[in-house]
PDB file of N, CA and C in Angstrom:
ATOM      1  N   MET A   1      89.003 108.016  92.394  1.00  0.00           N
ATOM      2  CA  MET A   1      89.869 108.344  91.283  1.00  0.00           C
ATOM      3  C   MET A   1      91.208 108.816  91.823  1.00  0.00           C
ATOM      4  N   ILE A   2      92.232 108.522  91.059  1.00  0.00           N
ATOM      5  CA  ILE A   2      93.569 108.935  91.472  1.00  0.00           C
ATOM      6  C   ILE A   2      94.092 109.980  90.461  1.00  0.00           C
ATOM      7  N   ALA A   3      94.923 110.893  90.964  1.00  0.00           N
ATOM      8  CA  ALA A   3      95.515 111.906  90.108  1.00  0.00           C
ATOM      9  C   ALA A   3      96.886 111.396  89.620  1.00  0.00           C
ATOM     10  N   LEU A   4      97.138 111.537  88.326  1.00  0.00           N
ATOM     11  CA  LEU A   4      98.391 111.156  87.709  1.00  0.00           C
ATOM     12  C   LEU A   4      98.896 112.309  86.872  1.00  0.00           C
ATOM     13  N   SER A   5     100.204 112.438  86.758  1.00  0.00           N
ATOM     14  CA  SER A   5     100.825 113.479  85.953  1.00  0.00           C
ATOM     15  C   SER A   5     101.115 112.983  84.557  1.00  0.00           C
ATOM     16  N   LYS A   6     100.535 113.676  83.588  1.00  0.00           N
ATOM     17  CA  LYS A   6     100.795 113.327  82.173  1.00  0.00           C
ATOM     18  C   LYS A   6     102.176 113.842  81.804  1.00  0.00           C
ATOM     19  N   LEU A   7     102.711 113.399  80.676  1.00  0.00           N
ATOM     20  CA  LEU A   7     104.041 113.794  80.251  1.00  0.00           C
ATOM     21  C   LEU A   7     104.183 115.300  80.055  1.00  0.00           C
ATOM     22  N   ASP A   8     103.091 115.953  79.698  1.00  0.00           N
ATOM     23  CA  ASP A   8     103.144 117.415  79.475  1.00  0.00           C
ATOM     24  C   ASP A   8     103.041 118.222  80.772  1.00  0.00           C
ATOM     25  N   GLY A   9     102.946 117.480  81.913  1.00  0.00           N
ATOM     26  CA  GLY A   9     102.871 118.138  83.221  1.00  0.00           C
ATOM     27  C   GLY A   9     101.491 118.376  83.731  1.00  0.00           C
ATOM     28  N   SER A  10     100.485 118.200  82.888  1.00  0.00           N
ATOM     29  CA  SER A  10      99.091 118.385  83.348  1.00  0.00           C
ATOM     30  C   SER A  10      98.667 117.166  84.160  1.00  0.00           C
ATOM     31  N   THR A  11      97.569 117.354  84.868  1.00  0.00           N
ATOM     32  CA  THR A  11      97.036 116.302  85.724  1.00  0.00           C
ATOM     33  C   THR A  11      95.854 115.627  85.073  1.00  0.00           C
ATOM     34  N   MET A  12      95.828 114.287  85.162  1.00  0.00           N
ATOM     35  CA  MET A  12      94.687 113.542  84.708  1.00  0.00           C
ATOM     36  C   MET A  12      94.145 112.708  85.876  1.00  0.00           C
ATOM     37  N   TYR A  13      92.892 112.356  85.822  1.00  0.00           N
ATOM     38  CA  TYR A  13      92.307 111.560  86.897  1.00  0.00           C
ATOM     39  C   TYR A  13      91.829 110.227  86.319  1.00  0.00           C
ATOM     40  N   LEU A  14      92.199 109.178  87.004  1.00  0.00           N
ATOM     41  CA  LEU A  14      91.958 107.810  86.500  1.00  0.00           C
ATOM     42  C   LEU A  14      91.195 107.012  87.538  1.00  0.00           C
ATOM     43  N   ASN A  15      90.163 106.289  87.103  1.00  0.00           N
ATOM     44  CA  ASN A  15      89.471 105.357  87.961  1.00  0.00           C
ATOM     45  C   ASN A  15      90.415 104.221  88.237  1.00  0.00           C
ATOM     46  N   GLU A  16      90.823 104.044  89.484  1.00  0.00           N
ATOM     47  CA  GLU A  16      91.805 103.044  89.832  1.00  0.00           C
ATOM     48  C   GLU A  16      91.330 101.609  89.630  1.00  0.00           C
ATOM     49  N   ASP A  17      90.010 101.421  89.518  1.00  0.00           N
ATOM     50  CA  ASP A  17      89.502 100.087  89.293  1.00  0.00           C
ATOM     51  C   ASP A  17      89.801  99.593  87.890  1.00  0.00           C
ATOM     52  N   HIS A  18      90.194 100.485  86.991  1.00  0.00           N
ATOM     53  CA  HIS A  18      90.530 100.095  85.588  1.00  0.00           C
ATOM     54  C   HIS A  18      91.993  99.764  85.399  1.00  0.00           C
ATOM     55  N   VAL A  19      92.821  99.875  86.447  1.00  0.00           N
ATOM     56  CA  VAL A  19      94.250  99.599  86.302  1.00  0.00           C
ATOM     57  C   VAL A  19      94.481  98.100  86.436  1.00  0.00           C
ATOM     58  N   GLU A  20      95.151  97.559  85.444  1.00  0.00           N
ATOM     59  CA  GLU A  20      95.519  96.124  85.471  1.00  0.00           C
ATOM     60  C   GLU A  20      96.928  95.945  86.008  1.00  0.00           C
ATOM     61  N   ARG A  21      97.839  96.765  85.527  1.00  0.00           N
ATOM     62  CA  ARG A  21      99.252  96.667  86.009  1.00  0.00           C
ATOM     63  C   ARG A  21      99.956  97.987  85.691  1.00  0.00           C
ATOM     64  N   VAL A  22     101.104  98.182  86.344  1.00  0.00           N
ATOM     65  CA  VAL A  22     101.931  99.369  86.141  1.00  0.00           C
ATOM     66  C   VAL A  22     103.354  98.878  85.930  1.00  0.00           C
ATOM     67  N   GLU A  23     104.034  99.427  84.877  1.00  0.00           N
ATOM     68  CA  GLU A  23     105.418  98.997  84.611  1.00  0.00           C
ATOM     69  C   GLU A  23     106.295 100.235  84.562  1.00  0.00           C
ATOM     70  N   GLN A  24     107.528 100.074  85.096  1.00  0.00           N
ATOM     71  CA  GLN A  24     108.478 101.187  85.114  1.00  0.00           C
ATOM     72  C   GLN A  24     109.389 101.103  83.910  1.00  0.00           C
ATOM     73  N   GLY A  25     109.587 102.217  83.282  1.00  0.00           N
ATOM     74  CA  GLY A  25     110.562 102.411  82.206  1.00  0.00           C
ATOM     75  C   GLY A  25     111.137 103.788  82.384  1.00  0.00           C
ATOM     76  N   ALA A  26     111.411 104.500  81.303  1.00  0.00           N
ATOM     77  CA  ALA A  26     111.807 105.898  81.415  1.00  0.00           C
ATOM     78  C   ALA A  26     110.687 106.668  82.120  1.00  0.00           C
ATOM     79  N   HIS A  27     109.459 106.300  81.812  1.00  0.00           N
ATOM     80  CA  HIS A  27     108.273 106.810  82.510  1.00  0.00           C
ATOM     81  C   HIS A  27     107.428 105.570  82.858  1.00  0.00           C
ATOM     82  N   SER A  28     106.432 105.720  83.678  1.00  0.00           N
ATOM     83  CA  SER A  28     105.618 104.586  84.015  1.00  0.00           C
ATOM     84  C   SER A  28     104.518 104.356  82.969  1.00  0.00           C
ATOM     85  N   ALA A  29     104.276 103.101  82.693  1.00  0.00           N
ATOM     86  CA  ALA A  29     103.156 102.694  81.797  1.00  0.00           C
ATOM     87  C   ALA A  29     102.086 102.101  82.651  1.00  0.00           C
ATOM     88  N   VAL A  30     100.902 102.672  82.591  1.00  0.00           N
ATOM     89  CA  VAL A  30      99.731 102.181  83.346  1.00  0.00           C
ATOM     90  C   VAL A  30      98.830 101.484  82.360  1.00  0.00           C
ATOM     91  N   TYR A  31      98.753 100.156  82.528  1.00  0.00           N
ATOM     92  CA  TYR A  31      97.943  99.333  81.609  1.00  0.00           C
ATOM     93  C   TYR A  31      96.549  99.177  82.197  1.00  0.00           C
ATOM     94  N   LEU A  32      95.561  99.366  81.337  1.00  0.00           N
ATOM     95  CA  LEU A  32      94.167  99.333  81.786  1.00  0.00           C
ATOM     96  C   LEU A  32      93.502  98.045  81.381  1.00  0.00           C
ATOM     97  N   THR A  33      92.393  97.732  82.049  1.00  0.00           N
ATOM     98  CA  THR A  33      91.718  96.452  81.812  1.00  0.00           C
ATOM     99  C   THR A  33      91.135  96.341  80.418  1.00  0.00           C
ATOM    100  N   ASN A  34      90.965  97.461  79.706  1.00  0.00           N
ATOM    101  CA  ASN A  34      90.431  97.422  78.340  1.00  0.00           C
ATOM    102  C   ASN A  34      91.519  97.231  77.289  1.00  0.00           C
ATOM    103  N   GLY A  35      92.763  97.048  77.745  1.00  0.00           N
ATOM    104  CA  GLY A  35      93.877  96.796  76.822  1.00  0.00           C
ATOM    105  C   GLY A  35      94.676  98.015  76.423  1.00  0.00           C
ATOM    106  N   THR A  36      94.226  99.173  76.773  1.00  0.00           N
ATOM    107  CA  THR A  36      94.967 100.393  76.465  1.00  0.00           C
ATOM    108  C   THR A  36      95.982 100.688  77.580  1.00  0.00           C
ATOM    109  N   TYR A  37      96.882 101.588  77.340  1.00  0.00           N
ATOM    110  CA  TYR A  37      97.813 102.008  78.379  1.00  0.00           C
ATOM    111  C   TYR A  37      98.098 103.499  78.288  1.00  0.00           C
ATOM    112  N   LEU A  38      98.530 104.030  79.423  1.00  0.00           N
ATOM    113  CA  LEU A  38      98.862 105.449  79.523  1.00  0.00           C
ATOM    114  C   LEU A  38     100.274 105.572  80.009  1.00  0.00           C
ATOM    115  N   ILE A  39     101.021 106.536  79.473  1.00  0.00           N
ATOM    116  CA  ILE A  39     102.356 106.830  79.945  1.00  0.00           C
ATOM    117  C   ILE A  39     102.273 108.047  80.839  1.00  0.00           C
ATOM    118  N   VAL A  40     102.789 107.918  82.048  1.00  0.00           N
ATOM    119  CA  VAL A  40     102.697 109.016  83.047  1.00  0.00           C
ATOM    120  C   VAL A  40     104.094 109.278  83.633  1.00  0.00           C
ATOM    121  N   ARG A  41     104.217 110.489  84.198  1.00  0.00           N
ATOM    122  CA  ARG A  41     105.492 110.888  84.828  1.00  0.00           C
ATOM    123  C   ARG A  41     105.687 110.209  86.186  1.00  0.00           C
ATOM    124  N   ASP A  42     104.615 109.899  86.862  1.00  0.00           N
ATOM    125  CA  ASP A  42     104.714 109.326  88.225  1.00  0.00           C
ATOM    126  C   ASP A  42     105.427 107.965  88.172  1.00  0.00           C
ATOM    127  N   ASP A  43     106.244 107.705  89.187  1.00  0.00           N
ATOM    128  CA  ASP A  43     106.919 106.387  89.235  1.00  0.00           C
ATOM    129  C   ASP A  43     105.948 105.318  89.702  1.00  0.00           C
ATOM    130  N   VAL A  44     106.329 104.077  89.522  1.00  0.00           N
ATOM    131  CA  VAL A  44     105.471 102.941  89.861  1.00  0.00           C
ATOM    132  C   VAL A  44     105.035 102.981  91.327  1.00  0.00           C
ATOM    133  N   ASP A  45     105.975 103.240  92.229  1.00  0.00           N
ATOM    134  CA  ASP A  45     105.634 103.255  93.635  1.00  0.00           C
ATOM    135  C   ASP A  45     104.569 104.314  93.995  1.00  0.00           C
ATOM    136  N   THR A  46     104.661 105.465  93.346  1.00  0.00           N
ATOM    137  CA  THR A  46     103.684 106.541  93.562  1.00  0.00           C
ATOM    138  C   THR A  46     102.311 106.138  93.067  1.00  0.00           C
ATOM    139  N   VAL A  47     102.253 105.522  91.890  1.00  0.00           N
ATOM    140  CA  VAL A  47     100.962 105.077  91.326  1.00  0.00           C
ATOM    141  C   VAL A  47     100.352 104.004  92.250  1.00  0.00           C
ATOM    142  N   VAL A  48     101.135 103.037  92.645  1.00  0.00           N
ATOM    143  CA  VAL A  48     100.653 101.958  93.511  1.00  0.00           C
ATOM    144  C   VAL A  48     100.190 102.522  94.849  1.00  0.00           C
ATOM    145  N   ASP A  49     100.964 103.442  95.421  1.00  0.00           N
ATOM    146  CA  ASP A  49     100.559 104.074  96.715  1.00  0.00           C
ATOM    147  C   ASP A  49      99.235 104.814  96.575  1.00  0.00           C
ATOM    148  N   ARG A  50      99.038 105.512  95.480  1.00  0.00           N
ATOM    149  CA  ARG A  50      97.778 106.261  95.254  1.00  0.00           C
ATOM    150  C   ARG A  50      96.595 105.293  95.129  1.00  0.00           C
ATOM    151  N   ILE A  51      96.834 104.186  94.417  1.00  0.00           N
ATOM    152  CA  ILE A  51      95.728 103.183  94.268  1.00  0.00           C
ATOM    153  C   ILE A  51      95.401 102.603  95.658  1.00  0.00           C
ATOM    154  N   ARG A  52      96.395 102.207  96.402  1.00  0.00           N
ATOM    155  CA  ARG A  52      96.161 101.644  97.750  1.00  0.00           C
ATOM    156  C   ARG A  52      95.465 102.626  98.652  1.00  0.00           C
ATOM    157  N   SER A  53      95.889 103.902  98.618  1.00  0.00           N
ATOM    158  CA  SER A  53      95.286 104.935  99.459  1.00  0.00           C
ATOM    159  C   SER A  53      93.818 105.136  99.117  1.00  0.00           C
ATOM    160  N   GLU A  54      93.519 105.174  97.804  1.00  0.00           N
ATOM    161  CA  GLU A  54      92.122 105.379  97.380  1.00  0.00           C
ATOM    162  C   GLU A  54      91.242 104.231  97.798  1.00  0.00           C
ATOM    163  N   LYS A  55      91.739 102.971  97.587  1.00  0.00           N
ATOM    164  CA  LYS A  55      90.969 101.816  97.959  1.00  0.00           C
ATOM    165  C   LYS A  55      90.782 101.737  99.454  1.00  0.00           C
ATOM    166  N   ALA A  56      91.796 102.096 100.243  1.00  0.00           N
ATOM    167  CA  ALA A  56      91.693 102.056 101.701  1.00  0.00           C
ATOM    168  C   ALA A  56      90.689 103.128 102.170  1.00  0.00           C
ATOM    169  N   ALA A  57      90.685 104.274 101.535  1.00  0.00           N
ATOM    170  CA  ALA A  57      89.727 105.335 101.918  1.00  0.00           C
ATOM    171  C   ALA A  57      88.292 104.882 101.606  1.00  0.00           C
ATOM    172  N   LEU A  58      88.082 104.237 100.475  1.00  0.00           N
ATOM    173  CA  LEU A  58      86.731 103.776 100.128  1.00  0.00           C
ATOM    174  C   LEU A  58      86.268 102.676 101.092  1.00  0.00           C
ATOM    175  N   LEU A  59      87.157 101.781 101.438  1.00  0.00           N
ATOM    176  CA  LEU A  59      86.803 100.739 102.379  1.00  0.00           C
ATOM    177  C   LEU A  59      86.533 101.276 103.802  1.00  0.00           C
ATOM    178  N   SER A  60      87.272 102.264 104.218  1.00  0.00           N
ATOM    179  CA  SER A  60      87.059 102.816 105.539  1.00  0.00           C
ATOM    180  C   SER A  60      85.687 103.485 105.648  1.00  0.00           C
ATOM    181  N   VAL A  61      85.245 104.098 104.563  1.00  0.00           N
ATOM    182  CA  VAL A  61      83.896 104.701 104.533  1.00  0.00           C
ATOM    183  C   VAL A  61      82.834 103.612 104.515  1.00  0.00           C
ATOM    184  N   ALA A  62      83.036 102.582 103.703  1.00  0.00           N
ATOM    185  CA  ALA A  62      82.035 101.535 103.559  1.00  0.00           C
ATOM    186  C   ALA A  62      81.897 100.722 104.856  1.00  0.00           C
ATOM    187  N   LEU A  63      83.003 100.572 105.596  1.00  0.00           N
ATOM    188  CA  LEU A  63      82.951  99.733 106.792  1.00  0.00           C
ATOM    189  C   LEU A  63      82.777 100.535 108.097  1.00  0.00           C
ATOM    190  N   ARG A  64      82.528 101.839 107.957  1.00  0.00           N
ATOM    191  CA  ARG A  64      82.339 102.669 109.123  1.00  0.00           C
ATOM    192  C   ARG A  64      81.052 102.299 109.830  1.00  0.00           C
ATOM    193  N   PRO A  65      81.123 102.189 111.177  1.00  0.00           N
ATOM    194  CA  PRO A  65      79.911 101.892 111.915  1.00  0.00           C
ATOM    195  C   PRO A  65      78.871 102.984 111.691  1.00  0.00           C
ATOM    196  N   GLY A  66      77.599 102.557 111.621  1.00  0.00           N
ATOM    197  CA  GLY A  66      76.551 103.546 111.456  1.00  0.00           C
ATOM    198  C   GLY A  66      76.101 103.731 110.006  1.00  0.00           C
ATOM    199  N   ILE A  67      76.857 103.164 109.058  1.00  0.00           N
ATOM    200  CA  ILE A  67      76.478 103.243 107.667  1.00  0.00           C
ATOM    201  C   ILE A  67      75.329 102.221 107.449  1.00  0.00           C
ATOM    202  N   PRO A  68      74.208 102.619 106.880  1.00  0.00           N
ATOM    203  CA  PRO A  68      73.137 101.666 106.621  1.00  0.00           C
ATOM    204  C   PRO A  68      73.641 100.518 105.752  1.00  0.00           C
ATOM    205  N   GLU A  69      73.180  99.305 106.108  1.00  0.00           N
ATOM    206  CA  GLU A  69      73.601  98.106 105.371  1.00  0.00           C
ATOM    207  C   GLU A  69      73.274  98.224 103.897  1.00  0.00           C
ATOM    208  N   SER A  70      72.172  98.908 103.546  1.00  0.00           N
ATOM    209  CA  SER A  70      71.787  99.034 102.154  1.00  0.00           C
ATOM    210  C   SER A  70      72.813  99.773 101.336  1.00  0.00           C
ATOM    211  N   LEU A  71      73.663 100.591 101.974  1.00  0.00           N
ATOM    212  CA  LEU A  71      74.694 101.310 101.236  1.00  0.00           C
ATOM    213  C   LEU A  71      75.977 100.531 101.113  1.00  0.00           C
ATOM    214  N   THR A  72      76.141  99.482 101.900  1.00  0.00           N
ATOM    215  CA  THR A  72      77.396  98.720 101.838  1.00  0.00           C
ATOM    216  C   THR A  72      77.220  97.330 101.273  1.00  0.00           C
ATOM    217  N   THR A  73      75.988  96.942 100.959  1.00  0.00           N
ATOM    218  CA  THR A  73      75.706  95.600 100.449  1.00  0.00           C
ATOM    219  C   THR A  73      75.450  95.665  98.946  1.00  0.00           C
ATOM    220  N   LEU A  74      76.218  94.879  98.207  1.00  0.00           N
ATOM    221  CA  LEU A  74      76.031  94.806  96.779  1.00  0.00           C
ATOM    222  C   LEU A  74      75.176  93.586  96.447  1.00  0.00           C
ATOM    223  N   SER A  75      74.330  93.702  95.508  1.00  0.00           N
ATOM    224  CA  SER A  75      73.497  92.570  95.112  1.00  0.00           C
ATOM    225  C   SER A  75      73.372  92.527  93.605  1.00  0.00           C
ATOM    226  N   VAL A  76      73.476  91.325  93.059  1.00  0.00           N
ATOM    227  CA  VAL A  76      73.372  91.157  91.628  1.00  0.00           C
ATOM    228  C   VAL A  76      71.903  91.066  91.214  1.00  0.00           C
ATOM    229  N   LEU A  77      71.135  90.389  92.022  1.00  0.00           N
ATOM    230  CA  LEU A  77      69.695  90.236  91.736  1.00  0.00           C
ATOM    231  C   LEU A  77      68.883  91.039  92.736  1.00  0.00           C
ATOM    232  N   PRO A  78      67.751  91.581  92.337  1.00  0.00           N
ATOM    233  CA  PRO A  78      66.918  92.252  93.323  1.00  0.00           C
ATOM    234  C   PRO A  78      66.421  91.255  94.394  1.00  0.00           C
ATOM    235  N   ASP A  79      66.292  91.766  95.601  1.00  0.00           N
ATOM    236  CA  ASP A  79      65.789  90.872  96.648  1.00  0.00           C
ATOM    237  C   ASP A  79      64.303  90.612  96.416  1.00  0.00           C
ATOM    238  N   GLU A  80      63.793  89.615  97.131  1.00  0.00           N
ATOM    239  CA  GLU A  80      62.405  89.166  96.935  1.00  0.00           C
ATOM    240  C   GLU A  80      61.404  90.260  97.239  1.00  0.00           C
ATOM    241  N   THR A  81      61.646  91.098  98.260  1.00  0.00           N
ATOM    242  CA  THR A  81      60.668  92.110  98.641  1.00  0.00           C
ATOM    243  C   THR A  81      60.523  93.186  97.570  1.00  0.00           C
ATOM    244  N   SER A  82      61.622  93.631  96.960  1.00  0.00           N
ATOM    245  CA  SER A  82      61.502  94.663  95.925  1.00  0.00           C
ATOM    246  C   SER A  82      60.876  94.050  94.669  1.00  0.00           C
ATOM    247  N   HIS A  83      61.125  92.768  94.396  1.00  0.00           N
ATOM    248  CA  HIS A  83      60.551  92.108  93.243  1.00  0.00           C
ATOM    249  C   HIS A  83      59.022  91.936  93.434  1.00  0.00           C
ATOM    250  N   ALA A  84      58.602  91.601  94.656  1.00  0.00           N
ATOM    251  CA  ALA A  84      57.181  91.404  94.928  1.00  0.00           C
ATOM    252  C   ALA A  84      56.445  92.748  94.873  1.00  0.00           C
ATOM    253  N   LYS A  85      57.066  93.825  95.324  1.00  0.00           N
ATOM    254  CA  LYS A  85      56.440  95.150  95.312  1.00  0.00           C
ATOM    255  C   LYS A  85      56.186  95.637  93.872  1.00  0.00           C
ATOM    256  N   SER A  86      57.040  95.283  92.960  1.00  0.00           N
ATOM    257  CA  SER A  86      56.882  95.775  91.594  1.00  0.00           C
ATOM    258  C   SER A  86      55.760  95.067  90.847  1.00  0.00           C
ATOM    259  N   GLY A  87      55.269  93.953  91.430  1.00  0.00           N
ATOM    260  CA  GLY A  87      54.159  93.257  90.820  1.00  0.00           C
ATOM    261  C   GLY A  87      54.547  92.246  89.777  1.00  0.00           C
ATOM    262  N   SER A  88      55.832  91.940  89.662  1.00  0.00           N
ATOM    263  CA  SER A  88      56.303  90.940  88.647  1.00  0.00           C
ATOM    264  C   SER A  88      56.374  89.572  89.232  1.00  0.00           C
TER     265      SER A  88
END
């Protein structure tokens, strides 16, 4: 999650995976994948830098040597061994 400054000066936290685009105006507009948008005080470069930093941090953890493959591998369907164990 990234921290962004709301117009009233308070901080909000946003899941960066939901950001579709960011546009600069008097304030920055952060458009989300669900069609809504947020107006924030942070400029576009700051928002983009925070998104890049968060994604880089997540990747560095996921790709760190010694992390079990089961924690870094995504799968849409269960593998055959877990399916066979459940008896289905």
